[in-house]
């Protein structure tokens, strides 16, 4: 008697499309904690992707801190090797607006579908992402991703103009590497993270110097 091949896990774009469909049926958006619990093991990658996508779109002052704060929790959790995110009560109870969130996800789906032609589970120089929760092989890459996410999130907290988009874009690539178990994408995300961090630090220094000169 033959065995039936296991169904491949849904691609990231399909997961986002399903979340967007669920948001359409609700007036009150989910809390961060509810969304995290519903996503299970993929919560780290998908939550990071959702928060990062929101950052790529221009927003009002303080927008970076709004999404950067939960990203810190995600980054620290990954860096510590925790299998699931654990948010403090104040963050877990924060409700996400369903309309804007759904719009961001639907705009991202066709872009992700094009990227997924290139993304696939693969390693690089002996490094790879974990294939399942008890797989120790991918811990180094996921810990490194957590450290980078924490760095990006901390840089999002100050309201420095023009920095949300590059930091968010770097986090998007890291999230896709994590979701698709693609070490090449994660490596590209790491390079983009360091570049975005350097850009943010340089811009912050120039902004502070300009303010000091203005009021001196």
N, C-alpha and C. Protein backbone atom coordinates (compact mmCIF):
# COMPACT_ATOMS: atom_id res chain seq x y z
N UNK A 1 0.85 -1.19 0.00
CA UNK A 1 0.00 0.00 0.00
C UNK A 1 0.89 1.24 0.00
N UNK A 2 0.72 2.12 -0.97
CA UNK A 2 1.57 3.30 -1.08
C UNK A 2 1.24 4.34 -0.03
N UNK A 3 2.20 5.16 0.24
CA UNK A 3 2.00 6.25 1.20
C UNK A 3 1.75 7.53 0.44
N UNK A 4 0.91 8.35 1.01
CA UNK A 4 0.58 9.63 0.39
C UNK A 4 1.60 10.68 0.78
N UNK A 5 2.13 11.38 -0.18
CA UNK A 5 3.13 12.41 0.11
C UNK A 5 2.51 13.53 0.92
N UNK A 6 3.26 14.03 1.86
CA UNK A 6 2.77 15.11 2.70
C UNK A 6 2.57 16.38 1.87
N UNK A 7 1.50 17.11 2.19
CA UNK A 7 1.24 18.35 1.50
C UNK A 7 2.33 19.37 1.85
N UNK A 8 2.88 20.06 0.86
CA UNK A 8 3.88 21.09 1.18
C UNK A 8 3.24 22.23 1.96
N UNK A 9 3.99 22.85 2.86
CA UNK A 9 3.42 23.97 3.62
C UNK A 9 3.05 25.12 2.69
N UNK A 10 2.03 25.90 3.05
CA UNK A 10 1.64 27.03 2.19
C UNK A 10 2.76 28.06 2.09
N UNK A 11 2.86 28.70 0.92
CA UNK A 11 3.85 29.75 0.74
C UNK A 11 3.45 30.97 1.56
N UNK A 12 4.42 31.86 1.77
CA UNK A 12 4.18 33.04 2.59
C UNK A 12 3.06 33.91 2.02
N UNK A 13 3.02 34.08 0.71
CA UNK A 13 1.97 34.92 0.10
C UNK A 13 0.59 34.35 0.38
N UNK A 14 0.46 33.02 0.35
CA UNK A 14 -0.84 32.40 0.62
C UNK A 14 -1.24 32.59 2.08
N UNK A 15 -0.28 32.51 2.99
CA UNK A 15 -0.58 32.76 4.41
C UNK A 15 -1.09 34.19 4.61
N UNK A 16 -0.44 35.15 3.97
CA UNK A 16 -0.88 36.54 4.10
C UNK A 16 -2.26 36.74 3.50
N UNK A 17 -2.53 36.07 2.38
CA UNK A 17 -3.84 36.20 1.75
C UNK A 17 -4.94 35.66 2.66
N UNK A 18 -4.68 34.56 3.34
CA UNK A 18 -5.66 33.98 4.26
C UNK A 18 -5.89 34.89 5.46
N UNK A 19 -4.82 35.49 5.99
CA UNK A 19 -4.98 36.42 7.10
C UNK A 19 -5.81 37.62 6.66
N UNK A 20 -5.54 38.14 5.45
CA UNK A 20 -6.31 39.28 4.93
C UNK A 20 -7.78 38.93 4.79
N UNK A 21 -8.08 37.70 4.36
CA UNK A 21 -9.48 37.27 4.23
C UNK A 21 -10.16 37.21 5.59
N UNK A 22 -9.45 36.75 6.61
CA UNK A 22 -10.01 36.72 7.96
C UNK A 22 -10.25 38.12 8.49
N UNK A 23 -9.36 39.05 8.17
CA UNK A 23 -9.54 40.43 8.63
C UNK A 23 -10.75 41.10 8.00
N UNK A 24 -11.09 40.67 6.77
CA UNK A 24 -12.24 41.26 6.09
C UNK A 24 -13.54 40.93 6.80
N UNK A 25 -13.56 39.81 7.52
CA UNK A 25 -14.78 39.35 8.18
C UNK A 25 -14.93 39.86 9.61
N UNK A 26 -14.04 40.73 10.04
CA UNK A 26 -14.12 41.22 11.41
C UNK A 26 -14.05 42.74 11.46
N UNK A 27 -14.80 43.32 12.39
CA UNK A 27 -14.77 44.78 12.58
C UNK A 27 -13.65 45.18 13.52
N UNK A 28 -13.42 44.35 14.53
CA UNK A 28 -12.34 44.61 15.48
C UNK A 28 -11.17 43.72 15.13
N UNK A 29 -10.03 44.33 14.85
CA UNK A 29 -8.87 43.55 14.46
C UNK A 29 -8.36 42.68 15.60
N UNK A 30 -7.51 41.71 15.31
CA UNK A 30 -6.98 40.85 16.36
C UNK A 30 -5.95 41.59 17.20
N UNK A 31 -5.76 41.13 18.41
CA UNK A 31 -4.67 41.65 19.22
C UNK A 31 -3.38 40.97 18.76
N UNK A 32 -2.25 41.54 19.15
CA UNK A 32 -0.96 40.94 18.81
C UNK A 32 -0.88 39.52 19.38
N UNK A 33 -1.36 39.34 20.61
CA UNK A 33 -1.34 38.03 21.23
C UNK A 33 -2.21 37.02 20.51
N UNK A 34 -3.41 37.44 20.11
CA UNK A 34 -4.32 36.53 19.38
C UNK A 34 -3.71 36.12 18.05
N UNK A 35 -3.13 37.08 17.34
CA UNK A 35 -2.52 36.75 16.05
C UNK A 35 -1.35 35.80 16.22
N UNK A 36 -0.54 36.04 17.25
CA UNK A 36 0.61 35.18 17.51
C UNK A 36 0.17 33.75 17.81
N UNK A 37 -0.85 33.59 18.65
CA UNK A 37 -1.33 32.26 19.01
C UNK A 37 -1.91 31.53 17.81
N UNK A 38 -2.59 32.25 16.92
CA UNK A 38 -3.21 31.61 15.77
C UNK A 38 -2.18 31.15 14.73
N UNK A 39 -0.99 31.74 14.74
CA UNK A 39 0.02 31.42 13.73
C UNK A 39 0.90 30.24 14.11
N UNK A 40 0.95 29.89 15.39
CA UNK A 40 1.75 28.74 15.81
C UNK A 40 3.23 28.95 15.59
N UNK A 41 3.91 27.91 15.05
CA UNK A 41 5.37 27.94 14.93
C UNK A 41 5.85 29.01 13.95
N UNK A 42 5.02 29.38 12.97
CA UNK A 42 5.46 30.38 11.98
C UNK A 42 5.24 31.80 12.48
N UNK A 43 4.87 31.95 13.76
CA UNK A 43 4.55 33.28 14.29
C UNK A 43 5.71 34.25 14.16
N UNK A 44 6.93 33.80 14.44
CA UNK A 44 8.09 34.70 14.35
C UNK A 44 8.20 35.31 12.95
N UNK A 45 8.24 34.45 11.95
CA UNK A 45 8.43 34.95 10.59
C UNK A 45 7.28 35.79 10.09
N UNK A 46 6.04 35.33 10.32
CA UNK A 46 4.89 36.06 9.79
C UNK A 46 4.64 37.38 10.52
N UNK A 47 4.77 37.38 11.84
CA UNK A 47 4.59 38.64 12.58
C UNK A 47 5.66 39.65 12.19
N UNK A 48 6.91 39.17 12.07
CA UNK A 48 7.98 40.06 11.65
C UNK A 48 7.67 40.63 10.27
N UNK A 49 7.19 39.79 9.36
CA UNK A 49 6.87 40.24 8.01
C UNK A 49 5.74 41.27 8.03
N UNK A 50 4.70 41.02 8.81
CA UNK A 50 3.56 41.94 8.88
C UNK A 50 4.00 43.30 9.43
N UNK A 51 4.75 43.30 10.53
CA UNK A 51 5.20 44.56 11.11
C UNK A 51 6.15 45.29 10.16
N UNK A 52 7.04 44.55 9.52
CA UNK A 52 8.02 45.17 8.62
C UNK A 52 7.34 45.76 7.39
N UNK A 53 6.35 45.06 6.84
CA UNK A 53 5.63 45.58 5.68
C UNK A 53 4.94 46.90 6.01
N UNK A 54 4.39 47.00 7.22
CA UNK A 54 3.74 48.24 7.63
C UNK A 54 4.73 49.39 7.70
N UNK A 55 5.98 49.09 8.01
CA UNK A 55 7.00 50.14 8.14
C UNK A 55 7.46 50.67 6.79
N UNK A 56 7.37 49.84 5.76
CA UNK A 56 7.82 50.27 4.44
C UNK A 56 6.92 51.38 3.89
N UNK A 57 5.66 51.38 4.30
CA UNK A 57 4.71 52.41 3.86
C UNK A 57 4.89 53.65 4.74
N UNK A 58 5.00 54.86 4.16
CA UNK A 58 5.19 56.07 4.97
C UNK A 58 4.08 56.24 6.00
N UNK A 59 4.49 56.60 7.20
CA UNK A 59 3.53 56.80 8.29
C UNK A 59 3.86 58.04 9.09
N UNK A 60 3.01 58.39 10.05
CA UNK A 60 3.23 59.58 10.88
C UNK A 60 4.38 59.38 11.85
N UNK A 61 4.87 60.45 12.50
CA UNK A 61 5.91 60.31 13.53
C UNK A 61 5.48 59.33 14.61
N UNK A 62 6.41 58.52 15.07
CA UNK A 62 6.10 57.52 16.08
C UNK A 62 5.66 56.19 15.51
N UNK A 63 5.48 56.13 14.17
CA UNK A 63 5.05 54.91 13.51
C UNK A 63 6.09 53.80 13.71
N UNK A 64 7.37 54.19 13.66
CA UNK A 64 8.44 53.21 13.83
C UNK A 64 8.40 52.56 15.21
N UNK A 65 8.17 53.36 16.24
CA UNK A 65 8.12 52.82 17.59
C UNK A 65 6.91 51.91 17.77
N UNK A 66 5.80 52.23 17.09
CA UNK A 66 4.59 51.42 17.21
C UNK A 66 4.84 49.98 16.80
N UNK A 67 5.57 49.78 15.70
CA UNK A 67 5.85 48.43 15.23
C UNK A 67 7.23 47.94 15.67
N UNK A 68 8.13 48.88 15.98
CA UNK A 68 9.46 48.48 16.44
C UNK A 68 9.44 47.82 17.80
N UNK A 69 8.53 48.25 18.67
CA UNK A 69 8.48 47.69 20.02
C UNK A 69 8.16 46.20 20.01
N UNK A 70 7.11 45.73 19.32
CA UNK A 70 6.90 44.28 19.28
C UNK A 70 7.99 43.54 18.51
N UNK A 71 8.65 44.23 17.57
CA UNK A 71 9.76 43.59 16.86
C UNK A 71 10.92 43.29 17.80
N UNK A 72 11.11 44.13 18.82
CA UNK A 72 12.16 43.86 19.81
C UNK A 72 11.87 42.53 20.51
N UNK A 73 10.61 42.32 20.87
CA UNK A 73 10.22 41.07 21.54
C UNK A 73 10.49 39.88 20.63
N UNK A 74 10.14 40.02 19.34
CA UNK A 74 10.39 38.94 18.39
C UNK A 74 11.89 38.65 18.26
N UNK A 75 12.69 39.72 18.12
CA UNK A 75 14.12 39.55 17.96
C UNK A 75 14.77 38.88 19.16
N UNK A 76 14.41 39.33 20.35
CA UNK A 76 15.00 38.75 21.56
C UNK A 76 14.57 37.29 21.71
N UNK A 77 13.31 37.00 21.38
CA UNK A 77 12.83 35.62 21.47
C UNK A 77 13.60 34.70 20.54
N UNK A 78 13.83 35.15 19.30
CA UNK A 78 14.60 34.33 18.36
C UNK A 78 16.04 34.18 18.81
N UNK A 79 16.64 35.28 19.29
CA UNK A 79 18.03 35.24 19.72
C UNK A 79 18.22 34.30 20.91
N UNK A 80 17.20 34.18 21.73
CA UNK A 80 17.28 33.29 22.90
C UNK A 80 16.87 31.85 22.57
N UNK A 81 16.46 31.62 21.33
CA UNK A 81 16.10 30.27 20.92
C UNK A 81 14.74 29.81 21.37
N UNK A 82 13.83 30.74 21.71
CA UNK A 82 12.49 30.35 22.12
C UNK A 82 11.69 29.90 20.89
N UNK A 83 10.93 28.80 21.01
CA UNK A 83 10.20 28.30 19.84
C UNK A 83 9.02 29.17 19.44
N UNK A 84 8.44 29.91 20.40
CA UNK A 84 7.28 30.75 20.12
C UNK A 84 7.48 32.13 20.75
N UNK A 85 6.91 33.18 20.14
CA UNK A 85 7.01 34.51 20.76
C UNK A 85 6.21 34.57 22.06
N UNK A 86 6.70 35.35 22.99
CA UNK A 86 6.01 35.57 24.26
C UNK A 86 5.99 37.07 24.53
N UNK A 87 4.82 37.68 24.33
CA UNK A 87 4.71 39.13 24.47
C UNK A 87 4.26 39.53 25.87
N UNK A 88 4.81 40.64 26.40
CA UNK A 88 4.29 41.19 27.65
C UNK A 88 2.80 41.53 27.47
N UNK A 89 2.06 41.55 28.57
CA UNK A 89 0.62 41.77 28.51
C UNK A 89 0.25 43.04 27.76
N UNK A 90 0.99 44.13 28.01
CA UNK A 90 0.65 45.41 27.36
C UNK A 90 0.74 45.32 25.84
N UNK A 91 1.72 44.55 25.34
CA UNK A 91 1.86 44.38 23.89
C UNK A 91 0.89 43.34 23.35
N UNK A 92 0.70 42.25 24.10
CA UNK A 92 -0.18 41.18 23.65
C UNK A 92 -1.61 41.67 23.49
N UNK A 93 -2.02 42.65 24.32
CA UNK A 93 -3.39 43.16 24.27
C UNK A 93 -3.56 44.31 23.28
N UNK A 94 -2.49 44.70 22.60
CA UNK A 94 -2.59 45.79 21.62
C UNK A 94 -3.34 45.30 20.38
N UNK A 95 -4.42 45.99 20.05
CA UNK A 95 -5.25 45.56 18.93
C UNK A 95 -4.77 46.19 17.63
N UNK A 96 -4.70 45.38 16.58
CA UNK A 96 -4.24 45.84 15.28
C UNK A 96 -5.43 46.30 14.43
N UNK A 97 -5.35 47.45 13.77
CA UNK A 97 -6.47 47.95 12.96
C UNK A 97 -6.69 47.05 11.74
N UNK A 98 -7.88 46.46 11.59
CA UNK A 98 -8.07 45.49 10.51
C UNK A 98 -8.01 46.07 9.10
N UNK A 99 -8.59 47.27 8.91
CA UNK A 99 -8.62 47.86 7.57
C UNK A 99 -7.24 48.17 7.01
N UNK A 100 -6.44 48.99 7.69
CA UNK A 100 -5.09 49.29 7.19
C UNK A 100 -4.20 48.06 7.09
N UNK A 101 -4.33 47.15 8.06
CA UNK A 101 -3.50 45.95 8.05
C UNK A 101 -3.85 45.08 6.84
N UNK A 102 -5.14 44.93 6.57
CA UNK A 102 -5.56 44.13 5.41
C UNK A 102 -5.06 44.76 4.11
N UNK A 103 -5.11 46.09 4.02
CA UNK A 103 -4.65 46.77 2.81
C UNK A 103 -3.16 46.53 2.59
N UNK A 104 -2.37 46.58 3.66
CA UNK A 104 -0.92 46.32 3.55
C UNK A 104 -0.67 44.90 3.06
N UNK A 105 -1.39 43.94 3.62
CA UNK A 105 -1.17 42.54 3.26
C UNK A 105 -1.54 42.28 1.80
N UNK A 106 -2.67 42.83 1.36
CA UNK A 106 -3.11 42.60 -0.02
C UNK A 106 -2.16 43.25 -1.02
N UNK A 107 -1.58 44.39 -0.66
CA UNK A 107 -0.61 45.03 -1.55
C UNK A 107 0.67 44.21 -1.63
N UNK A 108 0.98 43.50 -0.54
CA UNK A 108 2.23 42.73 -0.50
C UNK A 108 2.12 41.40 -1.22
N UNK A 109 0.92 40.82 -1.30
CA UNK A 109 0.77 39.47 -1.84
C UNK A 109 1.31 39.32 -3.26
N UNK A 110 0.94 40.16 -4.24
CA UNK A 110 1.49 39.97 -5.60
C UNK A 110 3.00 40.14 -5.68
N UNK A 111 3.55 41.03 -4.85
CA UNK A 111 5.01 41.20 -4.83
C UNK A 111 5.68 39.94 -4.30
N UNK A 112 5.12 39.38 -3.22
CA UNK A 112 5.68 38.17 -2.64
C UNK A 112 5.57 37.00 -3.60
N UNK A 113 4.47 36.92 -4.34
CA UNK A 113 4.31 35.83 -5.30
C UNK A 113 5.42 35.85 -6.35
N UNK A 114 5.83 37.04 -6.76
CA UNK A 114 6.93 37.13 -7.72
C UNK A 114 8.25 36.73 -7.07
N UNK A 115 8.46 37.17 -5.81
CA UNK A 115 9.69 36.82 -5.10
C UNK A 115 9.79 35.32 -4.83
N UNK A 116 8.66 34.68 -4.62
CA UNK A 116 8.66 33.26 -4.27
C UNK A 116 9.13 32.37 -5.42
N UNK A 117 9.20 32.91 -6.64
CA UNK A 117 9.78 32.14 -7.73
C UNK A 117 11.28 31.92 -7.51
N UNK A 118 11.86 32.82 -6.72
CA UNK A 118 13.30 32.75 -6.44
C UNK A 118 13.58 32.14 -5.07
N UNK A 119 12.67 32.37 -4.11
CA UNK A 119 12.88 31.88 -2.74
C UNK A 119 12.60 30.38 -2.67
N UNK A 120 13.43 29.67 -1.90
CA UNK A 120 13.23 28.23 -1.69
C UNK A 120 14.09 27.78 -0.51
N UNK A 121 13.75 26.67 0.12
CA UNK A 121 14.59 26.16 1.22
C UNK A 121 15.98 25.80 0.70
N UNK A 122 17.01 26.45 1.21
CA UNK A 122 18.38 26.15 0.79
C UNK A 122 19.35 26.68 1.83
N UNK A 123 20.52 26.10 1.85
CA UNK A 123 21.56 26.53 2.76
C UNK A 123 22.60 27.38 2.06
N UNK A 124 23.55 27.85 2.84
CA UNK A 124 24.65 28.64 2.30
C UNK A 124 25.86 28.45 3.20
N UNK A 125 26.95 27.95 2.62
CA UNK A 125 28.20 27.73 3.36
C UNK A 125 27.99 26.90 4.62
N UNK A 126 27.14 25.89 4.50
CA UNK A 126 26.89 25.00 5.63
C UNK A 126 25.83 25.47 6.59
N UNK A 127 25.33 26.68 6.40
CA UNK A 127 24.28 27.21 7.28
C UNK A 127 22.92 26.98 6.65
N UNK A 128 21.94 26.66 7.49
CA UNK A 128 20.58 26.46 7.00
C UNK A 128 19.60 26.78 8.12
N UNK A 129 18.35 27.00 7.72
CA UNK A 129 17.29 27.22 8.70
C UNK A 129 16.75 25.88 9.18
N UNK A 130 16.22 25.87 10.40
CA UNK A 130 15.67 24.64 10.96
C UNK A 130 14.47 24.16 10.15
N UNK A 131 14.42 22.85 9.87
CA UNK A 131 13.31 22.28 9.11
C UNK A 131 12.08 22.06 9.99
N UNK A 132 12.28 21.92 11.30
CA UNK A 132 11.17 21.74 12.23
C UNK A 132 11.63 22.20 13.61
N UNK A 133 10.70 22.22 14.54
CA UNK A 133 10.94 22.82 15.86
C UNK A 133 12.10 22.17 16.61
N UNK A 134 12.29 20.86 16.46
CA UNK A 134 13.33 20.15 17.21
C UNK A 134 14.62 19.99 16.42
N UNK A 135 14.73 20.66 15.29
CA UNK A 135 15.93 20.57 14.45
C UNK A 135 16.96 21.58 14.94
N UNK A 136 18.10 21.10 15.51
CA UNK A 136 19.10 22.03 16.02
C UNK A 136 19.96 22.65 14.92
N UNK A 137 19.85 22.15 13.70
CA UNK A 137 20.75 22.58 12.64
C UNK A 137 20.62 24.04 12.25
N UNK A 138 19.42 24.59 12.41
CA UNK A 138 19.21 25.96 11.97
C UNK A 138 19.28 26.99 13.08
N UNK A 139 19.67 26.59 14.27
CA UNK A 139 19.66 27.52 15.41
C UNK A 139 20.58 28.71 15.20
N UNK A 140 21.77 28.48 14.65
CA UNK A 140 22.74 29.58 14.50
C UNK A 140 22.17 30.67 13.61
N UNK A 141 21.56 30.27 12.50
CA UNK A 141 21.01 31.24 11.56
C UNK A 141 19.82 31.97 12.17
N UNK A 142 18.99 31.27 12.92
CA UNK A 142 17.82 31.92 13.52
C UNK A 142 18.23 32.83 14.68
N UNK A 143 19.25 32.45 15.43
CA UNK A 143 19.75 33.32 16.49
C UNK A 143 20.34 34.60 15.90
N UNK A 144 21.11 34.44 14.81
CA UNK A 144 21.67 35.61 14.13
C UNK A 144 20.57 36.52 13.60
N UNK A 145 19.50 35.91 13.05
CA UNK A 145 18.36 36.70 12.58
C UNK A 145 17.74 37.48 13.73
N UNK A 146 17.61 36.83 14.88
CA UNK A 146 17.03 37.51 16.04
C UNK A 146 17.86 38.70 16.50
N UNK A 147 19.18 38.55 16.48
CA UNK A 147 20.06 39.66 16.87
C UNK A 147 19.89 40.84 15.90
N UNK A 148 19.83 40.55 14.60
CA UNK A 148 19.67 41.61 13.60
C UNK A 148 18.31 42.29 13.73
N UNK A 149 17.27 41.50 13.96
CA UNK A 149 15.92 42.07 14.12
C UNK A 149 15.89 42.99 15.34
N UNK A 150 16.53 42.58 16.41
CA UNK A 150 16.57 43.43 17.62
C UNK A 150 17.28 44.75 17.33
N UNK A 151 18.39 44.68 16.59
CA UNK A 151 19.12 45.90 16.23
C UNK A 151 18.24 46.83 15.40
N UNK A 152 17.57 46.28 14.37
CA UNK A 152 16.70 47.09 13.52
C UNK A 152 15.58 47.72 14.33
N UNK A 153 14.99 46.92 15.23
CA UNK A 153 13.86 47.41 16.03
C UNK A 153 14.28 48.54 16.96
N UNK A 154 15.45 48.41 17.57
CA UNK A 154 15.93 49.47 18.46
C UNK A 154 16.16 50.78 17.70
N UNK A 155 16.65 50.67 16.47
CA UNK A 155 16.88 51.86 15.65
C UNK A 155 15.58 52.49 15.17
N UNK A 156 14.49 51.73 15.21
CA UNK A 156 13.19 52.26 14.82
C UNK A 156 12.56 53.13 15.90
N UNK A 157 13.00 53.01 17.12
CA UNK A 157 12.35 53.70 18.24
C UNK A 157 12.48 55.23 18.17
N UNK A 158 13.66 55.79 17.88
CA UNK A 158 13.74 57.26 17.77
C UNK A 158 13.00 57.74 16.51
N UNK A 159 12.26 58.85 16.60
CA UNK A 159 11.49 59.35 15.44
C UNK A 159 12.37 60.11 14.45
N UNK A 160 13.32 59.40 13.83
CA UNK A 160 14.22 60.01 12.85
C UNK A 160 13.58 59.90 11.46
N UNK A 161 13.39 61.00 10.74
CA UNK A 161 12.75 60.94 9.41
C UNK A 161 13.54 60.07 8.42
N UNK A 162 12.81 59.45 7.51
CA UNK A 162 13.36 58.70 6.37
C UNK A 162 14.08 57.41 6.76
N UNK A 163 13.91 56.93 7.97
CA UNK A 163 14.63 55.72 8.38
C UNK A 163 13.72 54.49 8.47
N UNK A 164 12.41 54.67 8.62
CA UNK A 164 11.53 53.51 8.75
C UNK A 164 11.59 52.59 7.55
N UNK A 165 11.56 53.17 6.33
CA UNK A 165 11.48 52.35 5.12
C UNK A 165 12.71 51.46 4.93
N UNK A 166 13.94 51.99 5.02
CA UNK A 166 15.09 51.08 4.83
C UNK A 166 15.21 50.03 5.92
N UNK A 167 14.91 50.41 7.17
CA UNK A 167 14.95 49.42 8.25
C UNK A 167 13.86 48.37 8.06
N UNK A 168 12.67 48.82 7.67
CA UNK A 168 11.57 47.89 7.43
C UNK A 168 11.85 46.96 6.26
N UNK A 169 12.44 47.50 5.18
CA UNK A 169 12.74 46.68 4.01
C UNK A 169 13.75 45.57 4.35
N UNK A 170 14.75 45.92 5.15
CA UNK A 170 15.72 44.90 5.58
C UNK A 170 15.04 43.81 6.41
N UNK A 171 14.12 44.22 7.28
CA UNK A 171 13.39 43.25 8.10
C UNK A 171 12.49 42.36 7.26
N UNK A 172 11.92 42.91 6.17
CA UNK A 172 11.09 42.11 5.26
C UNK A 172 11.91 40.97 4.67
N UNK A 173 13.13 41.27 4.22
CA UNK A 173 13.98 40.23 3.61
C UNK A 173 14.37 39.19 4.65
N UNK A 174 14.68 39.61 5.86
CA UNK A 174 14.98 38.66 6.94
C UNK A 174 13.79 37.75 7.21
N UNK A 175 12.60 38.34 7.23
CA UNK A 175 11.38 37.57 7.51
C UNK A 175 11.14 36.54 6.40
N UNK A 176 11.36 36.93 5.15
CA UNK A 176 11.17 36.00 4.04
C UNK A 176 12.18 34.85 4.09
N UNK A 177 13.41 35.17 4.46
CA UNK A 177 14.40 34.11 4.63
C UNK A 177 13.98 33.13 5.70
N UNK A 178 13.42 33.65 6.78
CA UNK A 178 12.98 32.80 7.89
C UNK A 178 11.78 31.96 7.47
N UNK A 179 10.79 32.59 6.81
CA UNK A 179 9.57 31.89 6.42
C UNK A 179 9.84 30.82 5.37
N UNK A 180 10.69 31.13 4.41
CA UNK A 180 10.94 30.21 3.31
C UNK A 180 12.16 29.32 3.56
N UNK A 181 12.78 29.45 4.73
CA UNK A 181 13.97 28.67 5.11
C UNK A 181 15.06 28.80 4.06
N UNK A 182 15.29 30.05 3.64
CA UNK A 182 16.24 30.35 2.57
C UNK A 182 17.43 31.10 3.16
N UNK A 183 18.55 30.40 3.31
CA UNK A 183 19.74 31.00 3.92
C UNK A 183 20.34 32.10 3.04
N UNK A 184 20.15 31.99 1.71
CA UNK A 184 20.66 33.04 0.83
C UNK A 184 19.89 34.33 1.05
N UNK A 185 18.56 34.24 1.15
CA UNK A 185 17.75 35.43 1.43
C UNK A 185 18.10 36.02 2.79
N UNK A 186 18.34 35.15 3.77
CA UNK A 186 18.71 35.64 5.10
C UNK A 186 20.04 36.38 5.06
N UNK A 187 20.99 35.87 4.28
CA UNK A 187 22.28 36.54 4.15
C UNK A 187 22.13 37.90 3.50
N UNK A 188 21.31 37.97 2.45
CA UNK A 188 21.04 39.27 1.81
C UNK A 188 20.36 40.21 2.81
N UNK A 189 19.43 39.67 3.59
CA UNK A 189 18.77 40.48 4.62
C UNK A 189 19.75 41.00 5.66
N UNK A 190 20.75 40.18 6.00
CA UNK A 190 21.75 40.60 6.97
C UNK A 190 22.58 41.76 6.43
N UNK A 191 22.98 41.67 5.15
CA UNK A 191 23.73 42.76 4.52
C UNK A 191 22.89 44.03 4.48
N UNK A 192 21.62 43.89 4.09
CA UNK A 192 20.73 45.05 4.04
C UNK A 192 20.51 45.63 5.44
N UNK A 193 20.45 44.77 6.45
CA UNK A 193 20.26 45.23 7.83
C UNK A 193 21.43 46.09 8.28
N UNK A 194 22.64 45.64 8.00
CA UNK A 194 23.83 46.41 8.39
C UNK A 194 23.89 47.73 7.63
N UNK A 195 23.53 47.70 6.32
CA UNK A 195 23.54 48.93 5.53
C UNK A 195 22.48 49.91 6.03
N UNK A 196 21.28 49.41 6.31
CA UNK A 196 20.20 50.27 6.82
C UNK A 196 20.54 50.83 8.19
N UNK A 197 21.20 50.02 9.01
CA UNK A 197 21.59 50.48 10.35
C UNK A 197 22.63 51.60 10.24
N UNK A 198 23.62 51.41 9.34
CA UNK A 198 24.64 52.45 9.15
C UNK A 198 24.01 53.74 8.63
N UNK A 199 23.08 53.59 7.68
CA UNK A 199 22.38 54.76 7.15
C UNK A 199 21.61 55.49 8.25
N UNK A 200 20.92 54.74 9.10
CA UNK A 200 20.13 55.34 10.18
C UNK A 200 21.01 56.06 11.19
N UNK A 201 22.12 55.42 11.56
CA UNK A 201 23.03 56.05 12.52
C UNK A 201 23.62 57.34 11.93
N UNK A 202 24.02 57.30 10.66
CA UNK A 202 24.60 58.48 10.02
C UNK A 202 23.56 59.60 9.92
N UNK A 203 22.34 59.24 9.52
CA UNK A 203 21.28 60.25 9.40
C UNK A 203 20.91 60.82 10.75
N UNK A 204 20.87 59.97 11.77
CA UNK A 204 20.56 60.44 13.12
C UNK A 204 21.62 61.42 13.61
N UNK A 205 22.91 61.10 13.34
CA UNK A 205 23.97 62.01 13.74
C UNK A 205 23.86 63.35 13.04
N UNK A 206 23.55 63.32 11.73
CA UNK A 206 23.38 64.57 11.00
C UNK A 206 22.19 65.37 11.49
N UNK A 207 21.12 64.67 11.82
CA UNK A 207 19.90 65.32 12.31
C UNK A 207 20.17 65.99 13.67
N UNK A 208 20.88 65.30 14.54
CA UNK A 208 21.20 65.86 15.86
C UNK A 208 22.14 67.06 15.72
N UNK A 209 23.14 66.94 14.82
CA UNK A 209 24.07 68.05 14.60
C UNK A 209 23.33 69.28 14.04
N UNK A 210 22.36 69.03 13.13
CA UNK A 210 21.60 70.15 12.55
C UNK A 210 20.77 70.85 13.62
N UNK A 211 20.16 70.07 14.50
CA UNK A 211 19.38 70.65 15.59
C UNK A 211 20.24 71.45 16.55
N UNK A 212 21.44 70.89 16.83
CA UNK A 212 22.35 71.59 17.74
C UNK A 212 22.80 72.92 17.13
N UNK A 213 23.08 72.92 15.83
CA UNK A 213 23.49 74.16 15.17
C UNK A 213 22.35 75.17 15.11
N UNK A 214 21.13 74.68 14.97
CA UNK A 214 19.97 75.56 14.87
C UNK A 214 19.71 76.29 16.17
N UNK A 215 19.93 75.62 17.30
CA UNK A 215 19.61 76.21 18.59
C UNK A 215 20.85 76.73 19.32
N UNK A 216 22.00 76.70 18.67
CA UNK A 216 23.23 77.20 19.32
C UNK A 216 23.33 78.72 19.18
